[in-house]
Amino acid sequence: MNASRTYITATVLLCVCALNFGSCNKKELQISANPTQVSGSGLIDVTWKTHGYETTTLTSNPVISGLPKTVTNNFGPVTDKFQVTTTTTFQITATIKGNNGPFVDTRSVTVTVKPGGPIL
């Protein structure tokens, strides 16, 4: 009876560890902007999150002051504020090393700047 309890306990612990390990390896990469459209120019929020990657870099095209920004391991969610004066694409690129070379994943969001003055 004692051996069977030990076996059951060991089996349960193994299952719990396997479930936790599986969730730890889950990769997540998210980016969003608010607002995604401004008139003339504007201050926008870029929110991003990474999980399960070794390094992640936030960039923009065209380049905005303060970027690129590189972080390691799990990060966020965090919100950065940027002034945009022209249509701008923000991209996060995440990398993890693998046996056959690095695995790279990207996500992006575009903020459109329409001609004209600020919306009142």
PDB file of N, CA and C in Angstrom:
ATOM      1  N   MET A   1       0.824  -1.190   0.000  1.00  0.00           N
ATOM      2  CA  MET A   1       0.000   0.000   0.000  1.00  0.00           C
ATOM      3  C   MET A   1       0.867   1.252   0.000  1.00  0.00           C
ATOM      4  N   ASN A   2       1.931   1.255   0.735  1.00  0.00           N
ATOM      5  CA  ASN A   2       2.827   2.393   0.763  1.00  0.00           C
ATOM      6  C   ASN A   2       3.483   2.605  -0.597  1.00  0.00           C
ATOM      7  N   ALA A   3       3.833   1.520  -1.292  1.00  0.00           N
ATOM      8  CA  ALA A   3       4.442   1.619  -2.615  1.00  0.00           C
ATOM      9  C   ALA A   3       3.464   2.196  -3.627  1.00  0.00           C
ATOM     10  N   SER A   4       2.191   1.837  -3.508  1.00  0.00           N
ATOM     11  CA  SER A   4       1.211   2.358  -4.463  1.00  0.00           C
ATOM     12  C   SER A   4       0.971   3.850  -4.239  1.00  0.00           C
ATOM     13  N   ARG A   5       0.990   4.295  -2.991  1.00  0.00           N
ATOM     14  CA  ARG A   5       0.863   5.735  -2.719  1.00  0.00           C
ATOM     15  C   ARG A   5       2.052   6.500  -3.293  1.00  0.00           C
ATOM     16  N   THR A   6       3.221   5.958  -3.127  1.00  0.00           N
ATOM     17  CA  THR A   6       4.419   6.581  -3.679  1.00  0.00           C
ATOM     18  C   THR A   6       4.316   6.673  -5.189  1.00  0.00           C
ATOM     19  N   TYR A   7       3.842   5.598  -5.831  1.00  0.00           N
ATOM     20  CA  TYR A   7       3.695   5.580  -7.291  1.00  0.00           C
ATOM     21  C   TYR A   7       2.685   6.639  -7.730  1.00  0.00           C
ATOM     22  N   ILE A   8       1.552   6.707  -7.039  1.00  0.00           N
ATOM     23  CA  ILE A   8       0.516   7.682  -7.400  1.00  0.00           C
ATOM     24  C   ILE A   8       1.042   9.104  -7.195  1.00  0.00           C
ATOM     25  N   THR A   9       1.707   9.347  -6.095  1.00  0.00           N
ATOM     26  CA  THR A   9       2.264  10.671  -5.829  1.00  0.00           C
ATOM     27  C   THR A   9       3.291  11.055  -6.887  1.00  0.00           C
ATOM     28  N   ALA A  10       4.157  10.121  -7.235  1.00  0.00           N
ATOM     29  CA  ALA A  10       5.170  10.394  -8.255  1.00  0.00           C
ATOM     30  C   ALA A  10       4.520  10.675  -9.605  1.00  0.00           C
ATOM     31  N   THR A  11       3.479   9.931  -9.938  1.00  0.00           N
ATOM     32  CA  THR A  11       2.779  10.136 -11.212  1.00  0.00           C
ATOM     33  C   THR A  11       2.119  11.511 -11.254  1.00  0.00           C
ATOM     34  N   VAL A  12       1.473  11.886 -10.176  1.00  0.00           N
ATOM     35  CA  VAL A  12       0.820  13.198 -10.113  1.00  0.00           C
ATOM     36  C   VAL A  12       1.864  14.312 -10.234  1.00  0.00           C
ATOM     37  N   LEU A  13       2.961  14.190  -9.512  1.00  0.00           N
ATOM     38  CA  LEU A  13       4.010  15.206  -9.597  1.00  0.00           C
ATOM     39  C   LEU A  13       4.587  15.300 -11.000  1.00  0.00           C
ATOM     40  N   LEU A  14       4.769  14.171 -11.651  1.00  0.00           N
ATOM     41  CA  LEU A  14       5.284  14.158 -13.016  1.00  0.00           C
ATOM     42  C   LEU A  14       4.330  14.874 -13.962  1.00  0.00           C
ATOM     43  N   CYS A  15       3.031  14.631 -13.802  1.00  0.00           N
ATOM     44  CA  CYS A  15       2.035  15.296 -14.657  1.00  0.00           C
ATOM     45  C   CYS A  15       2.028  16.804 -14.420  1.00  0.00           C
ATOM     46  N   VAL A  16       2.085  17.210 -13.158  1.00  0.00           N
ATOM     47  CA  VAL A  16       2.098  18.644 -12.834  1.00  0.00           C
ATOM     48  C   VAL A  16       3.334  19.307 -13.420  1.00  0.00           C
ATOM     49  N   CYS A  17       4.484  18.664 -13.274  1.00  0.00           N
ATOM     50  CA  CYS A  17       5.724  19.217 -13.827  1.00  0.00           C
ATOM     51  C   CYS A  17       5.651  19.303 -15.346  1.00  0.00           C
ATOM     52  N   ALA A  18       5.103  18.301 -15.992  1.00  0.00           N
ATOM     53  CA  ALA A  18       4.991  18.295 -17.449  1.00  0.00           C
ATOM     54  C   ALA A  18       4.073  19.417 -17.914  1.00  0.00           C
ATOM     55  N   LEU A  19       2.967  19.630 -17.222  1.00  0.00           N
ATOM     56  CA  LEU A  19       2.055  20.712 -17.588  1.00  0.00           C
ATOM     57  C   LEU A  19       2.712  22.070 -17.400  1.00  0.00           C
ATOM     58  N   ASN A  20       3.412  22.257 -16.302  1.00  0.00           N
ATOM     59  CA  ASN A  20       4.101  23.521 -16.068  1.00  0.00           C
ATOM     60  C   ASN A  20       5.192  23.751 -17.091  1.00  0.00           C
ATOM     61  N   PHE A  21       5.936  22.720 -17.439  1.00  0.00           N
ATOM     62  CA  PHE A  21       6.996  22.865 -18.424  1.00  0.00           C
ATOM     63  C   PHE A  21       6.421  23.246 -19.776  1.00  0.00           C
ATOM     64  N   GLY A  22       5.312  22.639 -20.145  1.00  0.00           N
ATOM     65  CA  GLY A  22       4.675  22.950 -21.424  1.00  0.00           C
ATOM     66  C   GLY A  22       4.216  24.390 -21.494  1.00  0.00           C
ATOM     67  N   SER A  23       3.659  24.908 -20.405  1.00  0.00           N
ATOM     68  CA  SER A  23       3.195  26.292 -20.428  1.00  0.00           C
ATOM     69  C   SER A  23       4.365  27.261 -20.405  1.00  0.00           C
ATOM     70  N   CYS A  24       5.494  26.856 -19.840  1.00  0.00           N
ATOM     71  CA  CYS A  24       6.669  27.729 -19.808  1.00  0.00           C
ATOM     72  C   CYS A  24       7.264  27.893 -21.202  1.00  0.00           C
ATOM     73  N   ASN A  25       7.074  26.906 -22.061  1.00  0.00           N
ATOM     74  CA  ASN A  25       7.644  26.969 -23.405  1.00  0.00           C
ATOM     75  C   ASN A  25       6.714  27.653 -24.399  1.00  0.00           C
ATOM     76  N   LYS A  26       5.560  28.080 -23.969  1.00  0.00           N
ATOM     77  CA  LYS A  26       4.614  28.747 -24.853  1.00  0.00           C
ATOM     78  C   LYS A  26       5.193  30.086 -25.299  1.00  0.00           C
ATOM     79  N   LYS A  27       5.204  30.290 -26.593  1.00  0.00           N
ATOM     80  CA  LYS A  27       5.725  31.543 -27.133  1.00  0.00           C
ATOM     81  C   LYS A  27       4.574  32.516 -27.363  1.00  0.00           C
ATOM     82  N   GLU A  28       4.814  33.768 -27.004  1.00  0.00           N
ATOM     83  CA  GLU A  28       3.810  34.796 -27.179  1.00  0.00           C
ATOM     84  C   GLU A  28       4.487  36.072 -27.649  1.00  0.00           C
ATOM     85  N   LEU A  29       3.897  36.695 -28.657  1.00  0.00           N
ATOM     86  CA  LEU A  29       4.446  37.922 -29.222  1.00  0.00           C
ATOM     87  C   LEU A  29       3.267  38.803 -29.629  1.00  0.00           C
ATOM     88  N   GLN A  30       3.132  39.963 -28.986  1.00  0.00           N
ATOM     89  CA  GLN A  30       2.001  40.843 -29.251  1.00  0.00           C
ATOM     90  C   GLN A  30       2.467  42.281 -29.373  1.00  0.00           C
ATOM     91  N   ILE A  31       1.804  43.022 -30.273  1.00  0.00           N
ATOM     92  CA  ILE A  31       2.043  44.457 -30.391  1.00  0.00           C
ATOM     93  C   ILE A  31       0.739  45.112 -30.834  1.00  0.00           C
ATOM     94  N   SER A  32       0.478  46.304 -30.286  1.00  0.00           N
ATOM     95  CA  SER A  32      -0.689  47.071 -30.703  1.00  0.00           C
ATOM     96  C   SER A  32      -0.363  48.556 -30.568  1.00  0.00           C
ATOM     97  N   ALA A  33      -1.134  49.378 -31.263  1.00  0.00           N
ATOM     98  CA  ALA A  33      -0.967  50.832 -31.191  1.00  0.00           C
ATOM     99  C   ALA A  33      -2.321  51.471 -30.948  1.00  0.00           C
ATOM    100  N   ASN A  34      -2.292  52.602 -30.234  1.00  0.00           N
ATOM    101  CA  ASN A  34      -3.526  53.330 -29.977  1.00  0.00           C
ATOM    102  C   ASN A  34      -3.221  54.826 -29.930  1.00  0.00           C
ATOM    103  N   PRO A  35      -3.799  55.619 -30.786  1.00  0.00           N
ATOM    104  CA  PRO A  35      -4.667  55.230 -31.886  1.00  0.00           C
ATOM    105  C   PRO A  35      -3.845  54.715 -33.064  1.00  0.00           C
ATOM    106  N   THR A  36      -4.511  54.111 -34.030  1.00  0.00           N
ATOM    107  CA  THR A  36      -3.813  53.628 -35.227  1.00  0.00           C
ATOM    108  C   THR A  36      -3.932  54.622 -36.372  1.00  0.00           C
ATOM    109  N   GLN A  37      -4.615  55.742 -36.121  1.00  0.00           N
ATOM    110  CA  GLN A  37      -4.735  56.788 -37.144  1.00  0.00           C
ATOM    111  C   GLN A  37      -4.772  58.139 -36.466  1.00  0.00           C
ATOM    112  N   VAL A  38      -3.938  59.067 -36.961  1.00  0.00           N
ATOM    113  CA  VAL A  38      -3.930  60.436 -36.448  1.00  0.00           C
ATOM    114  C   VAL A  38      -3.976  61.389 -37.631  1.00  0.00           C
ATOM    115  N   SER A  39      -4.351  62.620 -37.342  1.00  0.00           N
ATOM    116  CA  SER A  39      -4.408  63.643 -38.375  1.00  0.00           C
ATOM    117  C   SER A  39      -3.288  64.646 -38.130  1.00  0.00           C
ATOM    118  N   GLY A  40      -2.390  64.801 -39.117  1.00  0.00           N
ATOM    119  CA  GLY A  40      -1.265  65.734 -39.007  1.00  0.00           C
ATOM    120  C   GLY A  40      -0.094  65.134 -38.264  1.00  0.00           C
ATOM    121  N   SER A  41      -0.251  64.915 -36.977  1.00  0.00           N
ATOM    122  CA  SER A  41       0.756  64.274 -36.132  1.00  0.00           C
ATOM    123  C   SER A  41       0.068  63.928 -34.822  1.00  0.00           C
ATOM    124  N   GLY A  42       0.749  63.140 -34.003  1.00  0.00           N
ATOM    125  CA  GLY A  42       0.129  62.811 -32.727  1.00  0.00           C
ATOM    126  C   GLY A  42       1.001  61.920 -31.865  1.00  0.00           C
ATOM    127  N   LEU A  43       0.635  61.874 -30.593  1.00  0.00           N
ATOM    128  CA  LEU A  43       1.301  61.015 -29.631  1.00  0.00           C
ATOM    129  C   LEU A  43       0.518  59.710 -29.578  1.00  0.00           C
ATOM    130  N   ILE A  44       1.207  58.597 -29.777  1.00  0.00           N
ATOM    131  CA  ILE A  44       0.543  57.300 -29.789  1.00  0.00           C
ATOM    132  C   ILE A  44       1.182  56.379 -28.753  1.00  0.00           C
ATOM    133  N   ASP A  45       0.404  55.409 -28.318  1.00  0.00           N
ATOM    134  CA  ASP A  45       0.870  54.385 -27.390  1.00  0.00           C
ATOM    135  C   ASP A  45       1.128  53.102 -28.180  1.00  0.00           C
ATOM    136  N   VAL A  46       2.299  52.517 -27.994  1.00  0.00           N
ATOM    137  CA  VAL A  46       2.603  51.208 -28.559  1.00  0.00           C
ATOM    138  C   VAL A  46       2.767  50.246 -27.387  1.00  0.00           C
ATOM    139  N   THR A  47       1.888  49.247 -27.328  1.00  0.00           N
ATOM    140  CA  THR A  47       1.919  48.254 -26.253  1.00  0.00           C
ATOM    141  C   THR A  47       2.435  46.948 -26.828  1.00  0.00           C
ATOM    142  N   TRP A  48       3.417  46.362 -26.137  1.00  0.00           N
ATOM    143  CA  TRP A  48       3.998  45.118 -26.647  1.00  0.00           C
ATOM    144  C   TRP A  48       4.347  44.171 -25.514  1.00  0.00           C
ATOM    145  N   LYS A  49       4.375  42.879 -25.875  1.00  0.00           N
ATOM    146  CA  LYS A  49       4.616  41.823 -24.895  1.00  0.00           C
ATOM    147  C   LYS A  49       5.329  40.674 -25.597  1.00  0.00           C
ATOM    148  N   THR A  50       6.269  40.050 -24.894  1.00  0.00           N
ATOM    149  CA  THR A  50       6.978  38.892 -25.423  1.00  0.00           C
ATOM    150  C   THR A  50       7.131  37.859 -24.316  1.00  0.00           C
ATOM    151  N   HIS A  51       7.000  36.598 -24.688  1.00  0.00           N
ATOM    152  CA  HIS A  51       7.162  35.501 -23.730  1.00  0.00           C
ATOM    153  C   HIS A  51       7.701  34.283 -24.477  1.00  0.00           C
ATOM    154  N   GLY A  52       8.759  33.683 -23.927  1.00  0.00           N
ATOM    155  CA  GLY A  52       9.301  32.459 -24.509  1.00  0.00           C
ATOM    156  C   GLY A  52      10.402  32.672 -25.527  1.00  0.00           C
ATOM    157  N   TYR A  53      10.888  33.902 -25.644  1.00  0.00           N
ATOM    158  CA  TYR A  53      11.971  34.213 -26.576  1.00  0.00           C
ATOM    159  C   TYR A  53      13.189  34.691 -25.791  1.00  0.00           C
ATOM    160  N   GLU A  54      14.356  34.614 -26.418  1.00  0.00           N
ATOM    161  CA  GLU A  54      15.576  35.055 -25.745  1.00  0.00           C
ATOM    162  C   GLU A  54      15.776  36.557 -25.863  1.00  0.00           C
ATOM    163  N   THR A  55      15.596  37.101 -27.057  1.00  0.00           N
ATOM    164  CA  THR A  55      15.702  38.549 -27.253  1.00  0.00           C
ATOM    165  C   THR A  55      14.556  39.033 -28.127  1.00  0.00           C
ATOM    166  N   THR A  56      14.117  40.256 -27.854  1.00  0.00           N
ATOM    167  CA  THR A  56      13.067  40.879 -28.645  1.00  0.00           C
ATOM    168  C   THR A  56      13.461  42.331 -28.875  1.00  0.00           C
ATOM    169  N   THR A  57      13.294  42.800 -30.112  1.00  0.00           N
ATOM    170  CA  THR A  57      13.653  44.168 -30.467  1.00  0.00           C
ATOM    171  C   THR A  57      12.446  44.888 -31.059  1.00  0.00           C
ATOM    172  N   LEU A  58      12.169  46.077 -30.530  1.00  0.00           N
ATOM    173  CA  LEU A  58      11.133  46.955 -31.066  1.00  0.00           C
ATOM    174  C   LEU A  58      11.804  47.959 -31.983  1.00  0.00           C
ATOM    175  N   THR A  59      11.341  48.046 -33.230  1.00  0.00           N
ATOM    176  CA  THR A  59      11.875  48.995 -34.205  1.00  0.00           C
ATOM    177  C   THR A  59      10.720  49.753 -34.850  1.00  0.00           C
ATOM    178  N   SER A  60      11.079  50.779 -35.618  1.00  0.00           N
ATOM    179  CA  SER A  60      10.066  51.521 -36.360  1.00  0.00           C
ATOM    180  C   SER A  60      10.614  51.892 -37.727  1.00  0.00           C
ATOM    181  N   ASN A  61       9.696  52.064 -38.670  1.00  0.00           N
ATOM    182  CA  ASN A  61      10.049  52.523 -40.006  1.00  0.00           C
ATOM    183  C   ASN A  61       9.040  53.586 -40.401  1.00  0.00           C
ATOM    184  N   PRO A  62       9.462  54.864 -40.485  1.00  0.00           N
ATOM    185  CA  PRO A  62      10.814  55.373 -40.324  1.00  0.00           C
ATOM    186  C   PRO A  62      11.260  55.307 -38.862  1.00  0.00           C
ATOM    187  N   VAL A  63      12.562  55.451 -38.661  1.00  0.00           N
ATOM    188  CA  VAL A  63      13.149  55.362 -37.329  1.00  0.00           C
ATOM    189  C   VAL A  63      12.659  56.524 -36.467  1.00  0.00           C
ATOM    190  N   ILE A  64      12.292  56.201 -35.239  1.00  0.00           N
ATOM    191  CA  ILE A  64      11.835  57.189 -34.264  1.00  0.00           C
ATOM    192  C   ILE A  64      12.847  57.226 -33.122  1.00  0.00           C
ATOM    193  N   SER A  65      13.043  58.394 -32.553  1.00  0.00           N
ATOM    194  CA  SER A  65      13.961  58.558 -31.429  1.00  0.00           C
ATOM    195  C   SER A  65      13.609  57.585 -30.307  1.00  0.00           C
ATOM    196  N   GLY A  66      14.625  56.937 -29.756  1.00  0.00           N
ATOM    197  CA  GLY A  66      14.418  55.972 -28.683  1.00  0.00           C
ATOM    198  C   GLY A  66      14.367  54.533 -29.168  1.00  0.00           C
ATOM    199  N   LEU A  67      14.350  54.344 -30.476  1.00  0.00           N
ATOM    200  CA  LEU A  67      14.314  52.994 -31.055  1.00  0.00           C
ATOM    201  C   LEU A  67      15.545  52.788 -31.916  1.00  0.00           C
ATOM    202  N   PRO A  68      16.034  51.589 -32.039  1.00  0.00           N
ATOM    203  CA  PRO A  68      15.461  50.334 -31.558  1.00  0.00           C
ATOM    204  C   PRO A  68      15.647  50.152 -30.061  1.00  0.00           C
ATOM    205  N   LYS A  69      14.780  49.306 -29.504  1.00  0.00           N
ATOM    206  CA  LYS A  69      14.810  48.968 -28.079  1.00  0.00           C
ATOM    207  C   LYS A  69      14.833  47.441 -27.983  1.00  0.00           C
ATOM    208  N   THR A  70      15.868  46.895 -27.330  1.00  0.00           N
ATOM    209  CA  THR A  70      16.019  45.442 -27.233  1.00  0.00           C
ATOM    210  C   THR A  70      15.903  45.009 -25.780  1.00  0.00           C
ATOM    211  N   VAL A  71      15.141  43.919 -25.571  1.00  0.00           N
ATOM    212  CA  VAL A  71      14.981  43.344 -24.233  1.00  0.00           C
ATOM    213  C   VAL A  71      15.297  41.853 -24.310  1.00  0.00           C
ATOM    214  N   THR A  72      15.587  41.256 -23.155  1.00  0.00           N
ATOM    215  CA  THR A  72      15.855  39.831 -23.103  1.00  0.00           C
ATOM    216  C   THR A  72      14.796  39.128 -22.266  1.00  0.00           C
ATOM    217  N   ASN A  73      14.584  37.857 -22.596  1.00  0.00           N
ATOM    218  CA  ASN A  73      13.635  36.994 -21.887  1.00  0.00           C
ATOM    219  C   ASN A  73      12.214  37.540 -21.981  1.00  0.00           C
ATOM    220  N   ASN A  74      11.396  37.264 -20.990  1.00  0.00           N
ATOM    221  CA  ASN A  74       9.998  37.668 -21.014  1.00  0.00           C
ATOM    222  C   ASN A  74       9.886  39.136 -20.640  1.00  0.00           C
ATOM    223  N   PHE A  75       8.982  39.840 -21.332  1.00  0.00           N
ATOM    224  CA  PHE A  75       8.902  41.286 -21.164  1.00  0.00           C
ATOM    225  C   PHE A  75       7.473  41.738 -21.379  1.00  0.00           C
ATOM    226  N   GLY A  76       6.984  42.563 -20.484  1.00  0.00           N
ATOM    227  CA  GLY A  76       5.717  43.233 -20.697  1.00  0.00           C
ATOM    228  C   GLY A  76       4.510  42.469 -20.171  1.00  0.00           C
ATOM    229  N   PRO A  77       3.344  42.980 -20.475  1.00  0.00           N
ATOM    230  CA  PRO A  77       3.148  44.047 -21.450  1.00  0.00           C
ATOM    231  C   PRO A  77       3.622  45.399 -20.912  1.00  0.00           C
ATOM    232  N   VAL A  78       4.133  46.197 -21.830  1.00  0.00           N
ATOM    233  CA  VAL A  78       4.591  47.539 -21.512  1.00  0.00           C
ATOM    234  C   VAL A  78       4.089  48.468 -22.609  1.00  0.00           C
ATOM    235  N   THR A  79       3.840  49.722 -22.246  1.00  0.00           N
ATOM    236  CA  THR A  79       3.387  50.703 -23.221  1.00  0.00           C
ATOM    237  C   THR A  79       4.421  51.810 -23.319  1.00  0.00           C
ATOM    238  N   ASP A  80       4.888  52.042 -24.546  1.00  0.00           N
ATOM    239  CA  ASP A  80       5.809  53.146 -24.839  1.00  0.00           C
ATOM    240  C   ASP A  80       5.049  54.200 -25.633  1.00  0.00           C
ATOM    241  N   LYS A  81       5.384  55.468 -25.393  1.00  0.00           N
ATOM    242  CA  LYS A  81       4.740  56.579 -26.110  1.00  0.00           C
ATOM    243  C   LYS A  81       5.698  57.130 -27.158  1.00  0.00           C
ATOM    244  N   PHE A  82       5.160  57.386 -28.358  1.00  0.00           N
ATOM    245  CA  PHE A  82       5.963  57.932 -29.449  1.00  0.00           C
ATOM    246  C   PHE A  82       5.179  59.015 -30.169  1.00  0.00           C
ATOM    247  N   GLN A  83       5.897  60.052 -30.599  1.00  0.00           N
ATOM    248  CA  GLN A  83       5.319  61.103 -31.429  1.00  0.00           C
ATOM    249  C   GLN A  83       5.500  60.693 -32.884  1.00  0.00           C
ATOM    250  N   VAL A  84       4.418  60.668 -33.651  1.00  0.00           N
ATOM    251  CA  VAL A  84       4.514  60.340 -35.074  1.00  0.00           C
ATOM    252  C   VAL A  84       4.083  61.539 -35.896  1.00  0.00           C
ATOM    253  N   THR A  85       4.811  61.773 -36.970  1.00  0.00           N
ATOM    254  CA  THR A  85       4.482  62.870 -37.883  1.00  0.00           C
ATOM    255  C   THR A  85       4.237  62.357 -39.296  1.00  0.00           C
ATOM    256  N   THR A  86       4.524  61.070 -39.508  1.00  0.00           N
ATOM    257  CA  THR A  86       4.296  60.426 -40.792  1.00  0.00           C
ATOM    258  C   THR A  86       3.873  58.990 -40.517  1.00  0.00           C
ATOM    259  N   THR A  87       3.222  58.366 -41.478  1.00  0.00           N
ATOM    260  CA  THR A  87       2.796  56.978 -41.302  1.00  0.00           C
ATOM    261  C   THR A  87       3.989  56.130 -40.892  1.00  0.00           C
ATOM    262  N   THR A  88       3.826  55.383 -39.810  1.00  0.00           N
ATOM    263  CA  THR A  88       4.934  54.653 -39.197  1.00  0.00           C
ATOM    264  C   THR A  88       4.517  53.217 -38.885  1.00  0.00           C
ATOM    265  N   THR A  89       5.395  52.279 -39.201  1.00  0.00           N
ATOM    266  CA  THR A  89       5.183  50.883 -38.851  1.00  0.00           C
ATOM    267  C   THR A  89       6.097  50.523 -37.687  1.00  0.00           C
ATOM    268  N   PHE A  90       5.505  49.980 -36.632  1.00  0.00           N
ATOM    269  CA  PHE A  90       6.255  49.503 -35.479  1.00  0.00           C
ATOM    270  C   PHE A  90       6.307  47.982 -35.570  1.00  0.00           C
ATOM    271  N   GLN A  91       7.490  47.427 -35.346  1.00  0.00           N
ATOM    272  CA  GLN A  91       7.655  45.983 -35.476  1.00  0.00           C
ATOM    273  C   GLN A  91       8.425  45.435 -34.284  1.00  0.00           C
ATOM    274  N   ILE A  92       8.003  44.272 -33.791  1.00  0.00           N
ATOM    275  CA  ILE A  92       8.787  43.553 -32.794  1.00  0.00           C
ATOM    276  C   ILE A  92       9.305  42.280 -33.452  1.00  0.00           C
ATOM    277  N   THR A  93      10.585  42.032 -33.253  1.00  0.00           N
ATOM    278  CA  THR A  93      11.251  40.850 -33.792  1.00  0.00           C
ATOM    279  C   THR A  93      11.823  40.073 -32.618  1.00  0.00           C
ATOM    280  N   ALA A  94      11.370  38.823 -32.469  1.00  0.00           N
ATOM    281  CA  ALA A  94      11.799  37.989 -31.355  1.00  0.00           C
ATOM    282  C   ALA A  94      12.625  36.821 -31.876  1.00  0.00           C
ATOM    283  N   THR A  95      13.656  36.454 -31.117  1.00  0.00           N
ATOM    284  CA  THR A  95      14.579  35.397 -31.541  1.00  0.00           C
ATOM    285  C   THR A  95      14.808  34.418 -30.407  1.00  0.00           C
ATOM    286  N   ILE A  96      14.891  33.146 -30.782  1.00  0.00           N
ATOM    287  CA  ILE A  96      15.295  32.100 -29.850  1.00  0.00           C
ATOM    288  C   ILE A  96      16.225  31.164 -30.613  1.00  0.00           C
ATOM    289  N   LYS A  97      17.310  30.763 -29.968  1.00  0.00           N
ATOM    290  CA  LYS A  97      18.263  29.870 -30.623  1.00  0.00           C
ATOM    291  C   LYS A  97      17.667  28.481 -30.736  1.00  0.00           C
ATOM    292  N   GLY A  98      18.025  27.787 -31.808  1.00  0.00           N
ATOM    293  CA  GLY A  98      17.579  26.421 -32.002  1.00  0.00           C
ATOM    294  C   GLY A  98      18.717  25.560 -32.487  1.00  0.00           C
ATOM    295  N   ASN A  99      18.492  24.260 -32.591  1.00  0.00           N
ATOM    296  CA  ASN A  99      19.523  23.340 -33.066  1.00  0.00           C
ATOM    297  C   ASN A  99      19.877  23.581 -34.531  1.00  0.00           C
ATOM    298  N   ASN A 100      18.919  24.070 -35.301  1.00  0.00           N
ATOM    299  CA  ASN A 100      19.135  24.303 -36.734  1.00  0.00           C
ATOM    300  C   ASN A 100      19.230  25.786 -37.051  1.00  0.00           C
ATOM    301  N   GLY A 101      19.736  26.563 -36.123  1.00  0.00           N
ATOM    302  CA  GLY A 101      19.838  28.007 -36.335  1.00  0.00           C
ATOM    303  C   GLY A 101      18.765  28.724 -35.549  1.00  0.00           C
ATOM    304  N   PRO A 102      18.766  30.046 -35.575  1.00  0.00           N
ATOM    305  CA  PRO A 102      17.794  30.802 -34.772  1.00  0.00           C
ATOM    306  C   PRO A 102      16.388  30.737 -35.362  1.00  0.00           C
ATOM    307  N   PHE A 103      15.404  30.781 -34.483  1.00  0.00           N
ATOM    308  CA  PHE A 103      14.001  30.892 -34.866  1.00  0.00           C
ATOM    309  C   PHE A 103      13.613  32.341 -34.635  1.00  0.00           C
ATOM    310  N   VAL A 104      13.093  32.987 -35.687  1.00  0.00           N
ATOM    311  CA  VAL A 104      12.744  34.407 -35.619  1.00  0.00           C
ATOM    312  C   VAL A 104      11.251  34.557 -35.907  1.00  0.00           C
ATOM    313  N   ASP A 105      10.597  35.374 -35.111  1.00  0.00           N
ATOM    314  CA  ASP A 105       9.171  35.651 -35.291  1.00  0.00           C
ATOM    315  C   ASP A 105       8.980  37.163 -35.238  1.00  0.00           C
ATOM    316  N   THR A 106       8.040  37.681 -36.030  1.00  0.00           N
ATOM    317  CA  THR A 106       7.796  39.127 -36.038  1.00  0.00           C
ATOM    318  C   THR A 106       6.303  39.420 -35.995  1.00  0.00           C
ATOM    319  N   ARG A 107       5.993  40.573 -35.451  1.00  0.00           N
ATOM    320  CA  ARG A 107       4.646  41.133 -35.469  1.00  0.00           C
ATOM    321  C   ARG A 107       4.814  42.630 -35.714  1.00  0.00           C
ATOM    322  N   SER A 108       3.809  43.240 -36.349  1.00  0.00           N
ATOM    323  CA  SER A 108       3.906  44.677 -36.595  1.00  0.00           C
ATOM    324  C   SER A 108       2.530  45.326 -36.551  1.00  0.00           C
ATOM    325  N   VAL A 109       2.547  46.638 -36.394  1.00  0.00           N
ATOM    326  CA  VAL A 109       1.342  47.450 -36.423  1.00  0.00           C
ATOM    327  C   VAL A 109       1.712  48.771 -37.096  1.00  0.00           C
ATOM    328  N   THR A 110       0.808  49.296 -37.904  1.00  0.00           N
ATOM    329  CA  THR A 110       1.059  50.551 -38.614  1.00  0.00           C
ATOM    330  C   THR A 110       0.134  51.641 -38.096  1.00  0.00           C
ATOM    331  N   VAL A 111       0.721  52.812 -37.858  1.00  0.00           N
ATOM    332  CA  VAL A 111      -0.033  54.003 -37.473  1.00  0.00           C
ATOM    333  C   VAL A 111      -0.064  54.917 -38.687  1.00  0.00           C
ATOM    334  N   THR A 112      -1.257  55.223 -39.159  1.00  0.00           N
ATOM    335  CA  THR A 112      -1.422  56.055 -40.350  1.00  0.00           C
ATOM    336  C   THR A 112      -1.594  57.516 -39.947  1.00  0.00           C
ATOM    337  N   VAL A 113      -0.793  58.374 -40.590  1.00  0.00           N
ATOM    338  CA  VAL A 113      -0.910  59.822 -40.364  1.00  0.00           C
ATOM    339  C   VAL A 113      -1.552  60.422 -41.603  1.00  0.00           C
ATOM    340  N   LYS A 114      -2.735  61.010 -41.428  1.00  0.00           N
ATOM    341  CA  LYS A 114      -3.447  61.645 -42.535  1.00  0.00           C
ATOM    342  C   LYS A 114      -3.078  63.118 -42.572  1.00  0.00           C
ATOM    343  N   PRO A 115      -3.049  63.720 -43.750  1.00  0.00           N
ATOM    344  CA  PRO A 115      -2.738  65.151 -43.840  1.00  0.00           C
ATOM    345  C   PRO A 115      -3.750  65.981 -43.073  1.00  0.00           C
ATOM    346  N   GLY A 116      -3.299  67.113 -42.569  1.00  0.00           N
ATOM    347  CA  GLY A 116      -4.217  68.008 -41.868  1.00  0.00           C
ATOM    348  C   GLY A 116      -3.748  68.265 -40.454  1.00  0.00           C
ATOM    349  N   GLY A 117      -4.492  69.087 -39.793  1.00  0.00           N
ATOM    350  CA  GLY A 117      -4.160  69.445 -38.420  1.00  0.00           C
ATOM    351  C   GLY A 117      -4.674  68.424 -37.427  1.00  0.00           C
ATOM    352  N   PRO A 118      -4.372  68.621 -36.182  1.00  0.00           N
ATOM    353  CA  PRO A 118      -4.841  67.701 -35.159  1.00  0.00           C
ATOM    354  C   PRO A 118      -6.358  67.704 -35.055  1.00  0.00           C
ATOM    355  N   ILE A 119      -6.912  66.576 -34.697  1.00  0.00           N
ATOM    356  CA  ILE A 119      -8.356  66.460 -34.507  1.00  0.00           C
ATOM    357  C   ILE A 119      -8.717  67.107 -33.178  1.00  0.00           C
ATOM    358  N   LEU A 120      -9.682  68.005 -33.200  1.00  0.00           N
ATOM    359  CA  LEU A 120     -10.097  68.714 -31.968  1.00  0.00           C
ATOM    360  C   LEU A 120     -11.306  68.061 -31.363  1.00  0.00           C
TER     361      LEU A 120
END
